[in-house]
Amino acid sequence: MRMRRKPNLKKRLDKCAHLLVKEPELHRGKWLSETPYEELHIELGCGKGRFTVETAKQHPHALLVGLEKVENVVVIALERADKQEQRNILFAANLADDLDKFFEPGEVSRIYLNFSDPWPSRRHAKRRLTSQSFLEMYKSVLRTGGEIHMKTDNLPLFEYSLEEFYKAGFEFLFLMRNLHENGPVGVMTDYEIKFHDLGVKINKCVVKNVIERV
């Protein structure tokens, strides 16, 4: 079912154009040299931007780039960031498939994967954002010691991802299958708040890229 186009979408996108990167490939290798920030973090599937904005506030030294392919959704994230005048955020209405076209090797310090589509069918496994093809791409853009932070409510996807991270040679720094068991931990997405309130367990892991760069 196609999502209905939001009213005045183009006008709303134009109003926040200073936060929207239309051709991210033109910034490849220059994200930090073009800005005053020390690190580059990216969020794949940033949704409505709650996590993006709040995380950017906690990491003022880093530029956070949120990728979200659905314009109806990314416009809400743009307006959220614009309203709060959060300057260390940019957004791109693009897919995760093209990360190596947008970022050069070793340019990224952190990748956030929050509640990605689980693609439960085995025949769609390659579309999961933690399949080997995606993990190899992440390794290509992450610096040595760069991290991937993953959260999901989908336990089968989480267990699958743990195996894929291990096979890809990432080092585990953190792993918890019921993150908010003793109360909310860290910045939560809109989706996460909703499902935490319903008693759904949230899984999280953090892994480190150990590939040495020449």
N, C-alpha and C. Protein backbone atom coordinates (compact mmCIF):
# COMPACT_ATOMS: atom_id res chain seq x y z
N MET A 1 0.84 -1.19 0.00
CA MET A 1 0.00 0.00 0.00
C MET A 1 0.88 1.25 0.00
N ARG A 2 0.70 2.13 -0.97
CA ARG A 2 1.51 3.33 -1.06
C ARG A 2 1.07 4.38 -0.05
N MET A 3 2.07 5.02 0.57
CA MET A 3 1.77 6.09 1.51
C MET A 3 1.29 7.32 0.75
N ARG A 4 0.21 7.92 1.21
CA ARG A 4 -0.32 9.12 0.56
C ARG A 4 0.66 10.27 0.71
N ARG A 5 0.84 11.03 -0.35
CA ARG A 5 1.74 12.17 -0.34
C ARG A 5 1.21 13.23 0.62
N LYS A 6 2.10 13.71 1.50
CA LYS A 6 1.68 14.71 2.48
C LYS A 6 1.34 16.03 1.79
N PRO A 7 0.35 16.74 2.29
CA PRO A 7 -0.01 18.03 1.69
C PRO A 7 1.15 19.02 1.79
N ASN A 8 1.33 19.80 0.73
CA ASN A 8 2.38 20.83 0.70
C ASN A 8 3.78 20.24 0.91
N LEU A 9 4.00 19.00 0.46
CA LEU A 9 5.27 18.33 0.71
C LEU A 9 6.45 19.12 0.12
N LYS A 10 6.33 19.53 -1.13
CA LYS A 10 7.44 20.23 -1.78
C LYS A 10 7.75 21.54 -1.04
N LYS A 11 6.71 22.26 -0.67
CA LYS A 11 6.89 23.53 0.05
C LYS A 11 7.59 23.30 1.38
N ARG A 12 7.19 22.24 2.06
CA ARG A 12 7.78 21.93 3.37
C ARG A 12 9.23 21.49 3.22
N LEU A 13 9.51 20.71 2.16
CA LEU A 13 10.89 20.29 1.91
C LEU A 13 11.76 21.49 1.54
N ASP A 14 11.23 22.37 0.74
CA ASP A 14 11.98 23.57 0.32
C ASP A 14 12.32 24.45 1.52
N LYS A 15 11.41 24.53 2.48
CA LYS A 15 11.64 25.37 3.65
C LYS A 15 12.82 24.87 4.48
N CYS A 16 13.05 23.56 4.42
CA CYS A 16 14.15 22.96 5.19
C CYS A 16 15.31 22.54 4.28
N ALA A 17 15.39 23.13 3.12
CA ALA A 17 16.37 22.72 2.11
C ALA A 17 17.81 22.81 2.60
N HIS A 18 18.06 23.71 3.56
CA HIS A 18 19.42 23.87 4.07
C HIS A 18 19.89 22.66 4.87
N LEU A 19 18.95 21.78 5.24
CA LEU A 19 19.30 20.57 5.98
C LEU A 19 19.26 19.31 5.11
N LEU A 20 18.82 19.45 3.86
CA LEU A 20 18.65 18.30 2.98
C LEU A 20 19.74 18.27 1.92
N VAL A 21 20.51 17.19 1.90
CA VAL A 21 21.58 17.01 0.92
C VAL A 21 21.02 16.24 -0.27
N LYS A 22 20.87 16.90 -1.38
CA LYS A 22 20.23 16.27 -2.54
C LYS A 22 21.17 15.38 -3.33
N GLU A 23 22.47 15.69 -3.31
CA GLU A 23 23.45 14.88 -4.02
C GLU A 23 24.61 14.53 -3.08
N PRO A 24 24.38 13.58 -2.18
CA PRO A 24 25.40 13.26 -1.18
C PRO A 24 26.72 12.78 -1.77
N GLU A 25 26.68 12.23 -2.98
CA GLU A 25 27.91 11.77 -3.60
C GLU A 25 28.90 12.91 -3.85
N LEU A 26 28.40 14.13 -3.96
CA LEU A 26 29.28 15.29 -4.19
C LEU A 26 30.06 15.67 -2.93
N HIS A 27 29.63 15.15 -1.78
CA HIS A 27 30.31 15.45 -0.51
C HIS A 27 31.25 14.33 -0.09
N ARG A 28 31.34 13.30 -0.86
CA ARG A 28 32.19 12.14 -0.52
C ARG A 28 33.63 12.59 -0.24
N GLY A 29 34.12 12.24 0.93
CA GLY A 29 35.47 12.60 1.32
C GLY A 29 35.61 14.01 1.84
N LYS A 30 34.50 14.77 1.86
CA LYS A 30 34.58 16.17 2.25
C LYS A 30 33.60 16.55 3.36
N TRP A 31 32.88 15.57 3.91
CA TRP A 31 31.85 15.87 4.90
C TRP A 31 32.42 16.66 6.08
N LEU A 32 33.59 16.27 6.55
CA LEU A 32 34.17 16.94 7.72
C LEU A 32 34.98 18.17 7.34
N SER A 33 35.65 18.12 6.20
CA SER A 33 36.45 19.28 5.80
C SER A 33 35.55 20.48 5.46
N GLU A 34 34.29 20.21 5.12
CA GLU A 34 33.34 21.27 4.80
C GLU A 34 32.58 21.78 6.03
N THR A 35 32.82 21.17 7.18
CA THR A 35 32.11 21.52 8.41
C THR A 35 33.11 21.61 9.56
N PRO A 36 32.70 22.15 10.72
CA PRO A 36 33.62 22.27 11.86
C PRO A 36 33.65 21.05 12.78
N TYR A 37 33.08 19.91 12.35
CA TYR A 37 32.93 18.78 13.26
C TYR A 37 34.09 17.80 13.18
N GLU A 38 34.26 17.02 14.26
CA GLU A 38 35.40 16.12 14.39
C GLU A 38 35.12 14.72 13.90
N GLU A 39 33.88 14.30 13.94
CA GLU A 39 33.51 12.94 13.55
C GLU A 39 32.27 12.96 12.67
N LEU A 40 32.13 11.91 11.88
CA LEU A 40 30.95 11.75 11.02
C LEU A 40 30.19 10.51 11.47
N HIS A 41 28.93 10.69 11.85
CA HIS A 41 28.05 9.60 12.23
C HIS A 41 26.90 9.54 11.22
N ILE A 42 26.41 8.35 10.91
CA ILE A 42 25.28 8.23 10.00
C ILE A 42 24.22 7.31 10.60
N GLU A 43 22.97 7.63 10.30
CA GLU A 43 21.84 6.81 10.75
C GLU A 43 21.09 6.33 9.51
N LEU A 44 20.93 5.02 9.40
CA LEU A 44 20.27 4.44 8.24
C LEU A 44 18.81 4.18 8.55
N GLY A 45 17.92 4.91 7.86
CA GLY A 45 16.50 4.81 8.14
C GLY A 45 16.16 5.64 9.37
N CYS A 46 16.34 6.95 9.25
CA CYS A 46 16.19 7.82 10.43
C CYS A 46 14.74 8.10 10.79
N GLY A 47 13.80 7.70 9.93
CA GLY A 47 12.39 7.89 10.25
C GLY A 47 12.04 9.34 10.48
N LYS A 48 11.28 9.62 11.54
CA LYS A 48 10.81 10.98 11.82
C LYS A 48 11.82 11.84 12.58
N GLY A 49 13.00 11.27 12.84
CA GLY A 49 14.10 12.08 13.31
C GLY A 49 14.22 12.34 14.81
N ARG A 50 13.38 11.71 15.62
CA ARG A 50 13.50 11.96 17.06
C ARG A 50 14.87 11.53 17.57
N PHE A 51 15.26 10.31 17.24
CA PHE A 51 16.56 9.80 17.67
C PHE A 51 17.68 10.67 17.09
N THR A 52 17.55 11.05 15.83
CA THR A 52 18.58 11.84 15.15
C THR A 52 18.84 13.15 15.88
N VAL A 53 17.78 13.88 16.15
CA VAL A 53 17.91 15.19 16.78
C VAL A 53 18.46 15.07 18.21
N GLU A 54 17.90 14.17 19.00
CA GLU A 54 18.33 14.04 20.39
C GLU A 54 19.77 13.52 20.48
N THR A 55 20.15 12.62 19.57
CA THR A 55 21.52 12.10 19.57
C THR A 55 22.50 13.18 19.16
N ALA A 56 22.12 13.99 18.19
CA ALA A 56 22.99 15.10 17.76
C ALA A 56 23.24 16.06 18.92
N LYS A 57 22.24 16.29 19.75
CA LYS A 57 22.41 17.16 20.92
C LYS A 57 23.47 16.60 21.87
N GLN A 58 23.50 15.28 21.99
CA GLN A 58 24.43 14.64 22.92
C GLN A 58 25.84 14.53 22.35
N HIS A 59 25.99 14.72 21.04
CA HIS A 59 27.30 14.60 20.39
C HIS A 59 27.58 15.85 19.56
N PRO A 60 27.76 16.98 20.21
CA PRO A 60 27.96 18.23 19.46
C PRO A 60 29.24 18.27 18.64
N HIS A 61 30.17 17.36 18.92
CA HIS A 61 31.42 17.31 18.16
C HIS A 61 31.27 16.58 16.83
N ALA A 62 30.14 15.91 16.64
CA ALA A 62 29.96 15.05 15.46
C ALA A 62 28.89 15.60 14.52
N LEU A 63 29.10 15.39 13.24
CA LEU A 63 28.08 15.65 12.23
C LEU A 63 27.28 14.36 12.04
N LEU A 64 25.97 14.45 12.20
CA LEU A 64 25.11 13.27 12.06
C LEU A 64 24.30 13.40 10.78
N VAL A 65 24.46 12.44 9.88
CA VAL A 65 23.73 12.42 8.61
C VAL A 65 22.69 11.31 8.67
N GLY A 66 21.41 11.69 8.56
CA GLY A 66 20.32 10.72 8.58
C GLY A 66 19.85 10.41 7.18
N LEU A 67 19.84 9.13 6.83
CA LEU A 67 19.35 8.70 5.53
C LEU A 67 17.95 8.11 5.69
N GLU A 68 17.01 8.59 4.89
CA GLU A 68 15.64 8.11 4.91
C GLU A 68 15.06 8.26 3.51
N LYS A 69 14.69 7.15 2.90
CA LYS A 69 14.28 7.17 1.50
C LYS A 69 12.87 7.72 1.29
N VAL A 70 12.03 7.72 2.32
CA VAL A 70 10.63 8.12 2.17
C VAL A 70 10.49 9.62 2.46
N GLU A 71 10.20 10.41 1.43
CA GLU A 71 10.11 11.86 1.60
C GLU A 71 9.02 12.26 2.58
N ASN A 72 7.90 11.52 2.59
CA ASN A 72 6.81 11.81 3.52
C ASN A 72 7.27 11.73 4.97
N VAL A 73 8.28 10.89 5.21
CA VAL A 73 8.79 10.70 6.57
C VAL A 73 9.93 11.66 6.86
N VAL A 74 10.87 11.78 5.91
CA VAL A 74 12.05 12.62 6.16
C VAL A 74 11.67 14.09 6.34
N VAL A 75 10.54 14.53 5.75
CA VAL A 75 10.14 15.92 5.93
C VAL A 75 9.83 16.22 7.40
N ILE A 76 9.32 15.24 8.12
CA ILE A 76 9.05 15.42 9.55
C ILE A 76 10.36 15.54 10.32
N ALA A 77 11.34 14.72 9.95
CA ALA A 77 12.66 14.79 10.58
C ALA A 77 13.31 16.15 10.31
N LEU A 78 13.20 16.62 9.08
CA LEU A 78 13.76 17.92 8.71
C LEU A 78 13.14 19.04 9.55
N GLU A 79 11.82 19.02 9.65
CA GLU A 79 11.12 20.06 10.41
C GLU A 79 11.47 19.99 11.89
N ARG A 80 11.66 18.80 12.38
CA ARG A 80 12.02 18.61 13.78
C ARG A 80 13.39 19.25 14.06
N ALA A 81 14.37 18.95 13.21
CA ALA A 81 15.71 19.49 13.38
C ALA A 81 15.73 21.01 13.20
N ASP A 82 14.95 21.48 12.21
CA ASP A 82 14.91 22.91 11.93
C ASP A 82 14.28 23.68 13.09
N LYS A 83 13.21 23.14 13.65
CA LYS A 83 12.52 23.80 14.76
C LYS A 83 13.43 23.94 15.97
N GLN A 84 14.25 22.93 16.20
CA GLN A 84 15.14 22.95 17.37
C GLN A 84 16.49 23.58 17.06
N GLU A 85 16.63 24.03 15.82
CA GLU A 85 17.86 24.72 15.38
C GLU A 85 19.10 23.90 15.68
N GLN A 86 18.99 22.59 15.43
CA GLN A 86 20.13 21.70 15.63
C GLN A 86 21.02 21.74 14.40
N ARG A 87 22.23 22.26 14.55
CA ARG A 87 23.08 22.55 13.40
C ARG A 87 23.95 21.39 12.93
N ASN A 88 24.22 20.42 13.79
CA ASN A 88 25.12 19.32 13.41
C ASN A 88 24.36 18.13 12.84
N ILE A 89 23.32 18.40 12.05
CA ILE A 89 22.52 17.36 11.40
C ILE A 89 22.32 17.72 9.93
N LEU A 90 22.41 16.71 9.10
CA LEU A 90 21.99 16.81 7.71
C LEU A 90 21.19 15.56 7.38
N PHE A 91 20.33 15.67 6.36
CA PHE A 91 19.52 14.52 5.94
C PHE A 91 19.69 14.30 4.44
N ALA A 92 19.49 13.05 4.04
CA ALA A 92 19.52 12.71 2.62
C ALA A 92 18.41 11.70 2.36
N ALA A 93 17.63 11.95 1.32
CA ALA A 93 16.53 11.04 0.96
C ALA A 93 17.07 9.97 0.03
N ASN A 94 17.91 9.11 0.60
CA ASN A 94 18.60 8.10 -0.19
C ASN A 94 18.59 6.75 0.51
N LEU A 95 19.03 5.73 -0.21
CA LEU A 95 19.05 4.36 0.30
C LEU A 95 20.41 4.01 0.89
N ALA A 96 20.41 3.03 1.80
CA ALA A 96 21.66 2.55 2.39
C ALA A 96 22.53 1.82 1.38
N ASP A 97 21.92 1.36 0.28
CA ASP A 97 22.64 0.59 -0.73
C ASP A 97 23.83 1.35 -1.32
N ASP A 98 23.80 2.68 -1.24
CA ASP A 98 24.80 3.50 -1.93
C ASP A 98 25.79 4.16 -0.99
N LEU A 99 25.97 3.63 0.21
CA LEU A 99 26.85 4.28 1.18
C LEU A 99 28.26 4.50 0.64
N ASP A 100 28.80 3.52 -0.06
CA ASP A 100 30.17 3.66 -0.54
C ASP A 100 30.30 4.70 -1.65
N LYS A 101 29.17 5.14 -2.19
CA LYS A 101 29.19 6.24 -3.16
C LYS A 101 29.13 7.60 -2.46
N PHE A 102 28.60 7.59 -1.23
CA PHE A 102 28.42 8.84 -0.49
C PHE A 102 29.58 9.13 0.47
N PHE A 103 30.26 8.07 0.93
CA PHE A 103 31.31 8.23 1.94
C PHE A 103 32.56 7.47 1.49
N GLU A 104 33.71 8.06 1.68
CA GLU A 104 34.93 7.41 1.24
C GLU A 104 35.45 6.47 2.33
N PRO A 105 36.36 5.55 2.01
CA PRO A 105 36.87 4.61 3.00
C PRO A 105 37.41 5.30 4.25
N GLY A 106 36.96 4.83 5.41
CA GLY A 106 37.42 5.34 6.68
C GLY A 106 36.87 6.69 7.09
N GLU A 107 35.87 7.20 6.37
CA GLU A 107 35.36 8.55 6.66
C GLU A 107 34.37 8.58 7.81
N VAL A 108 33.72 7.45 8.09
CA VAL A 108 32.62 7.39 9.06
C VAL A 108 33.11 6.80 10.39
N SER A 109 32.70 7.41 11.49
CA SER A 109 33.07 6.92 12.83
C SER A 109 32.00 6.05 13.48
N ARG A 110 30.74 6.27 13.08
CA ARG A 110 29.66 5.50 13.72
C ARG A 110 28.47 5.37 12.77
N ILE A 111 27.85 4.18 12.81
CA ILE A 111 26.63 3.91 12.05
C ILE A 111 25.55 3.46 13.01
N TYR A 112 24.37 4.07 12.90
CA TYR A 112 23.22 3.66 13.71
C TYR A 112 22.24 2.89 12.82
N LEU A 113 21.84 1.72 13.30
CA LEU A 113 20.80 0.91 12.65
C LEU A 113 19.67 0.74 13.66
N ASN A 114 18.63 1.52 13.53
CA ASN A 114 17.53 1.48 14.49
C ASN A 114 16.27 0.90 13.86
N PHE A 115 15.86 -0.27 14.33
CA PHE A 115 14.59 -0.87 13.95
C PHE A 115 14.45 -0.99 12.43
N SER A 116 15.48 -1.57 11.83
CA SER A 116 15.48 -1.80 10.39
C SER A 116 14.43 -2.84 10.02
N ASP A 117 13.99 -2.79 8.77
CA ASP A 117 13.04 -3.78 8.25
C ASP A 117 13.65 -5.18 8.41
N PRO A 118 12.96 -6.11 9.10
CA PRO A 118 13.54 -7.44 9.34
C PRO A 118 13.56 -8.37 8.12
N TRP A 119 12.79 -8.03 7.09
CA TRP A 119 12.72 -8.91 5.90
C TRP A 119 12.69 -10.37 6.34
N PRO A 120 11.61 -10.83 6.98
CA PRO A 120 11.59 -12.16 7.61
C PRO A 120 11.71 -13.35 6.65
N SER A 121 11.30 -13.18 5.41
CA SER A 121 11.41 -14.29 4.47
C SER A 121 12.87 -14.62 4.17
N ARG A 122 13.21 -15.90 4.17
CA ARG A 122 14.59 -16.31 3.90
C ARG A 122 15.07 -15.85 2.54
N ARG A 123 14.16 -15.80 1.57
CA ARG A 123 14.57 -15.40 0.22
C ARG A 123 14.88 -13.91 0.13
N HIS A 124 14.49 -13.16 1.15
CA HIS A 124 14.78 -11.73 1.18
C HIS A 124 15.93 -11.38 2.13
N ALA A 125 16.64 -12.41 2.63
CA ALA A 125 17.67 -12.19 3.64
C ALA A 125 18.73 -11.19 3.20
N LYS A 126 19.05 -11.17 1.91
CA LYS A 126 20.10 -10.26 1.41
C LYS A 126 19.70 -8.79 1.52
N ARG A 127 18.39 -8.54 1.73
CA ARG A 127 17.94 -7.15 1.86
C ARG A 127 18.09 -6.62 3.29
N ARG A 128 18.34 -7.51 4.23
CA ARG A 128 18.50 -7.08 5.61
C ARG A 128 19.75 -6.22 5.73
N LEU A 129 19.66 -5.16 6.49
CA LEU A 129 20.78 -4.22 6.60
C LEU A 129 21.95 -4.76 7.40
N THR A 130 21.81 -6.00 7.89
CA THR A 130 22.94 -6.66 8.56
C THR A 130 23.37 -7.91 7.81
N SER A 131 22.99 -8.03 6.54
CA SER A 131 23.48 -9.14 5.73
C SER A 131 24.94 -8.86 5.37
N GLN A 132 25.65 -9.88 4.91
CA GLN A 132 27.09 -9.74 4.67
C GLN A 132 27.44 -8.65 3.66
N SER A 133 26.63 -8.50 2.62
CA SER A 133 26.95 -7.48 1.61
C SER A 133 26.91 -6.08 2.21
N PHE A 134 25.93 -5.82 3.09
CA PHE A 134 25.85 -4.52 3.75
C PHE A 134 26.99 -4.36 4.76
N LEU A 135 27.30 -5.41 5.51
CA LEU A 135 28.35 -5.32 6.51
C LEU A 135 29.70 -5.03 5.86
N GLU A 136 29.96 -5.62 4.71
CA GLU A 136 31.21 -5.34 4.00
C GLU A 136 31.25 -3.88 3.55
N MET A 137 30.12 -3.35 3.16
CA MET A 137 30.06 -1.94 2.76
C MET A 137 30.30 -1.04 3.98
N TYR A 138 29.71 -1.41 5.12
CA TYR A 138 29.94 -0.62 6.33
C TYR A 138 31.42 -0.62 6.70
N LYS A 139 32.05 -1.79 6.60
CA LYS A 139 33.48 -1.87 6.92
C LYS A 139 34.30 -0.98 6.00
N SER A 140 33.84 -0.83 4.76
CA SER A 140 34.60 -0.03 3.80
C SER A 140 34.55 1.46 4.12
N VAL A 141 33.47 1.92 4.75
CA VAL A 141 33.36 3.36 5.04
C VAL A 141 33.72 3.70 6.48
N LEU A 142 33.72 2.69 7.38
CA LEU A 142 34.05 2.93 8.78
C LEU A 142 35.56 3.06 8.97
N ARG A 143 35.97 3.95 9.85
CA ARG A 143 37.38 4.03 10.23
C ARG A 143 37.70 2.82 11.10
N THR A 144 38.98 2.53 11.30
CA THR A 144 39.39 1.51 12.25
C THR A 144 38.93 1.93 13.64
N GLY A 145 38.22 1.06 14.32
CA GLY A 145 37.65 1.40 15.62
C GLY A 145 36.26 2.00 15.53
N GLY A 146 35.79 2.26 14.29
CA GLY A 146 34.44 2.77 14.11
C GLY A 146 33.40 1.76 14.57
N GLU A 147 32.23 2.26 14.95
CA GLU A 147 31.23 1.41 15.58
C GLU A 147 29.91 1.35 14.81
N ILE A 148 29.22 0.23 14.98
CA ILE A 148 27.83 0.10 14.54
C ILE A 148 26.97 -0.11 15.78
N HIS A 149 25.95 0.73 15.95
CA HIS A 149 25.01 0.60 17.06
C HIS A 149 23.68 0.13 16.47
N MET A 150 23.24 -1.03 16.90
CA MET A 150 22.00 -1.61 16.35
C MET A 150 20.97 -1.81 17.45
N LYS A 151 19.72 -1.41 17.17
CA LYS A 151 18.60 -1.71 18.06
C LYS A 151 17.45 -2.28 17.24
N THR A 152 16.74 -3.25 17.82
CA THR A 152 15.57 -3.83 17.17
C THR A 152 14.68 -4.50 18.20
N ASP A 153 13.38 -4.54 17.90
CA ASP A 153 12.46 -5.30 18.73
C ASP A 153 12.28 -6.72 18.19
N ASN A 154 12.86 -6.98 17.02
CA ASN A 154 12.68 -8.26 16.33
C ASN A 154 13.79 -9.22 16.73
N LEU A 155 13.48 -10.18 17.61
CA LEU A 155 14.51 -11.08 18.13
C LEU A 155 15.14 -11.96 17.04
N PRO A 156 14.36 -12.54 16.12
CA PRO A 156 15.00 -13.33 15.05
C PRO A 156 16.00 -12.51 14.23
N LEU A 157 15.65 -11.25 13.92
CA LEU A 157 16.59 -10.38 13.20
C LEU A 157 17.83 -10.12 14.05
N PHE A 158 17.63 -9.93 15.34
CA PHE A 158 18.76 -9.65 16.23
C PHE A 158 19.72 -10.84 16.28
N GLU A 159 19.17 -12.04 16.46
CA GLU A 159 20.03 -13.22 16.53
C GLU A 159 20.74 -13.45 15.19
N TYR A 160 20.04 -13.25 14.09
CA TYR A 160 20.65 -13.34 12.76
C TYR A 160 21.80 -12.34 12.65
N SER A 161 21.57 -11.11 13.11
CA SER A 161 22.56 -10.04 12.99
C SER A 161 23.80 -10.34 13.82
N LEU A 162 23.61 -10.90 15.01
CA LEU A 162 24.76 -11.25 15.85
C LEU A 162 25.68 -12.22 15.12
N GLU A 163 25.08 -13.21 14.47
CA GLU A 163 25.87 -14.18 13.72
C GLU A 163 26.59 -13.52 12.54
N GLU A 164 25.90 -12.61 11.86
CA GLU A 164 26.50 -11.95 10.70
C GLU A 164 27.64 -11.02 11.13
N PHE A 165 27.47 -10.30 12.23
CA PHE A 165 28.55 -9.45 12.74
C PHE A 165 29.78 -10.29 13.06
N TYR A 166 29.55 -11.43 13.70
CA TYR A 166 30.66 -12.32 14.06
C TYR A 166 31.38 -12.83 12.81
N LYS A 167 30.60 -13.29 11.83
CA LYS A 167 31.20 -13.80 10.59
C LYS A 167 31.98 -12.73 9.84
N ALA A 168 31.52 -11.48 9.96
CA ALA A 168 32.16 -10.37 9.24
C ALA A 168 33.40 -9.85 9.98
N GLY A 169 33.68 -10.38 11.17
CA GLY A 169 34.89 -10.02 11.87
C GLY A 169 34.80 -8.80 12.77
N PHE A 170 33.57 -8.37 13.11
CA PHE A 170 33.42 -7.25 14.02
C PHE A 170 33.66 -7.71 15.47
N GLU A 171 34.14 -6.79 16.29
CA GLU A 171 34.35 -7.07 17.71
C GLU A 171 33.15 -6.56 18.50
N PHE A 172 32.61 -7.38 19.39
CA PHE A 172 31.45 -6.98 20.19
C PHE A 172 31.87 -6.15 21.39
N LEU A 173 31.21 -5.01 21.55
CA LEU A 173 31.47 -4.12 22.69
C LEU A 173 30.32 -4.13 23.69
N PHE A 174 29.10 -4.41 23.20
CA PHE A 174 27.90 -4.35 24.06
C PHE A 174 26.84 -5.24 23.46
N LEU A 175 26.11 -5.96 24.33
CA LEU A 175 25.02 -6.82 23.85
C LEU A 175 23.99 -6.96 24.97
N MET A 176 22.75 -6.62 24.67
CA MET A 176 21.68 -6.78 25.66
C MET A 176 20.37 -7.09 24.94
N ARG A 177 19.65 -8.09 25.45
CA ARG A 177 18.40 -8.52 24.81
C ARG A 177 17.16 -7.89 25.44
N ASN A 178 17.33 -7.13 26.49
CA ASN A 178 16.19 -6.42 27.09
C ASN A 178 16.72 -5.09 27.62
N LEU A 179 17.02 -4.19 26.70
CA LEU A 179 17.75 -2.97 27.00
C LEU A 179 17.11 -2.13 28.11
N HIS A 180 15.79 -2.01 28.09
CA HIS A 180 15.10 -1.12 29.02
C HIS A 180 14.47 -1.86 30.19
N GLU A 181 15.01 -3.01 30.52
CA GLU A 181 14.42 -3.85 31.58
C GLU A 181 14.30 -3.09 32.90
N ASN A 182 15.29 -2.26 33.21
CA ASN A 182 15.29 -1.53 34.47
C ASN A 182 15.01 -0.04 34.28
N GLY A 183 14.33 0.28 33.19
CA GLY A 183 14.00 1.67 32.89
C GLY A 183 14.65 2.11 31.60
N PRO A 184 14.11 3.15 30.95
CA PRO A 184 14.62 3.60 29.66
C PRO A 184 16.11 3.92 29.69
N VAL A 185 16.81 3.48 28.63
CA VAL A 185 18.25 3.69 28.51
C VAL A 185 18.54 4.43 27.21
N GLY A 186 19.21 5.56 27.29
CA GLY A 186 19.64 6.28 26.10
C GLY A 186 18.49 6.93 25.34
N VAL A 187 18.82 7.43 24.16
CA VAL A 187 17.83 8.08 23.30
C VAL A 187 16.96 7.03 22.62
N MET A 188 15.65 7.24 22.64
CA MET A 188 14.72 6.28 22.04
C MET A 188 14.08 6.89 20.79
N THR A 189 13.81 6.04 19.81
CA THR A 189 13.09 6.48 18.63
C THR A 189 11.60 6.56 18.95
N ASP A 190 10.82 7.20 18.07
CA ASP A 190 9.37 7.24 18.24
C ASP A 190 8.80 5.82 18.30
N TYR A 191 9.29 4.99 17.39
CA TYR A 191 8.85 3.59 17.32
C TYR A 191 9.19 2.86 18.62
N GLU A 192 10.40 3.09 19.13
CA GLU A 192 10.87 2.42 20.33
C GLU A 192 10.05 2.80 21.55
N ILE A 193 9.71 4.07 21.68
CA ILE A 193 8.87 4.52 22.80
C ILE A 193 7.52 3.80 22.79
N LYS A 194 6.93 3.74 21.61
CA LYS A 194 5.62 3.09 21.46
C LYS A 194 5.67 1.64 21.89
N PHE A 195 6.67 0.91 21.41
CA PHE A 195 6.72 -0.53 21.70
C PHE A 195 7.24 -0.82 23.11
N HIS A 196 8.09 0.04 23.63
CA HIS A 196 8.51 -0.12 25.03
C HIS A 196 7.31 0.03 25.95
N ASP A 197 6.44 1.01 25.66
CA ASP A 197 5.24 1.22 26.47
C ASP A 197 4.31 0.02 26.42
N LEU A 198 4.38 -0.75 25.34
CA LEU A 198 3.56 -1.95 25.21
C LEU A 198 4.22 -3.18 25.84
N GLY A 199 5.42 -2.98 26.39
CA GLY A 199 6.11 -4.08 27.05
C GLY A 199 6.96 -4.93 26.13
N VAL A 200 7.19 -4.46 24.91
CA VAL A 200 8.01 -5.21 23.95
C VAL A 200 9.48 -5.04 24.31
N LYS A 201 10.23 -6.13 24.34
CA LYS A 201 11.65 -6.08 24.68
C LYS A 201 12.44 -5.49 23.51
N ILE A 202 13.40 -4.64 23.85
CA ILE A 202 14.26 -4.01 22.85
C ILE A 202 15.65 -4.61 22.97
N ASN A 203 16.19 -5.03 21.84
CA ASN A 203 17.53 -5.63 21.81
C ASN A 203 18.53 -4.61 21.26
N LYS A 204 19.74 -4.62 21.83
CA LYS A 204 20.77 -3.70 21.34
C LYS A 204 22.14 -4.37 21.35
N CYS A 205 22.94 -4.05 20.33
CA CYS A 205 24.35 -4.43 20.36
C CYS A 205 25.18 -3.31 19.75
N VAL A 206 26.44 -3.26 20.16
CA VAL A 206 27.41 -2.33 19.60
C VAL A 206 28.61 -3.16 19.18
N VAL A 207 29.04 -3.00 17.94
CA VAL A 207 30.20 -3.72 17.43
C VAL A 207 31.22 -2.74 16.87
N LYS A 208 32.49 -3.18 16.86
CA LYS A 208 33.59 -2.31 16.42
C LYS A 208 34.28 -2.88 15.20
N ASN A 209 34.61 -2.00 14.26
CA ASN A 209 35.36 -2.37 13.08
C ASN A 209 36.84 -2.47 13.44
N VAL A 210 37.43 -3.65 13.27
CA VAL A 210 38.82 -3.84 13.66
C VAL A 210 39.76 -3.91 12.45
N ILE A 211 39.24 -3.66 11.25
CA ILE A 211 40.06 -3.69 10.06
C ILE A 211 41.05 -2.53 10.09
N GLU A 212 42.33 -2.86 10.01
CA GLU A 212 43.38 -1.82 9.99
C GLU A 212 43.47 -1.25 8.59
N ARG A 213 43.56 0.07 8.51
CA ARG A 213 43.69 0.74 7.22
C ARG A 213 45.15 1.10 6.97
N VAL A 214 45.58 0.88 5.76
CA VAL A 214 46.96 1.19 5.38
C VAL A 214 47.11 2.69 5.16
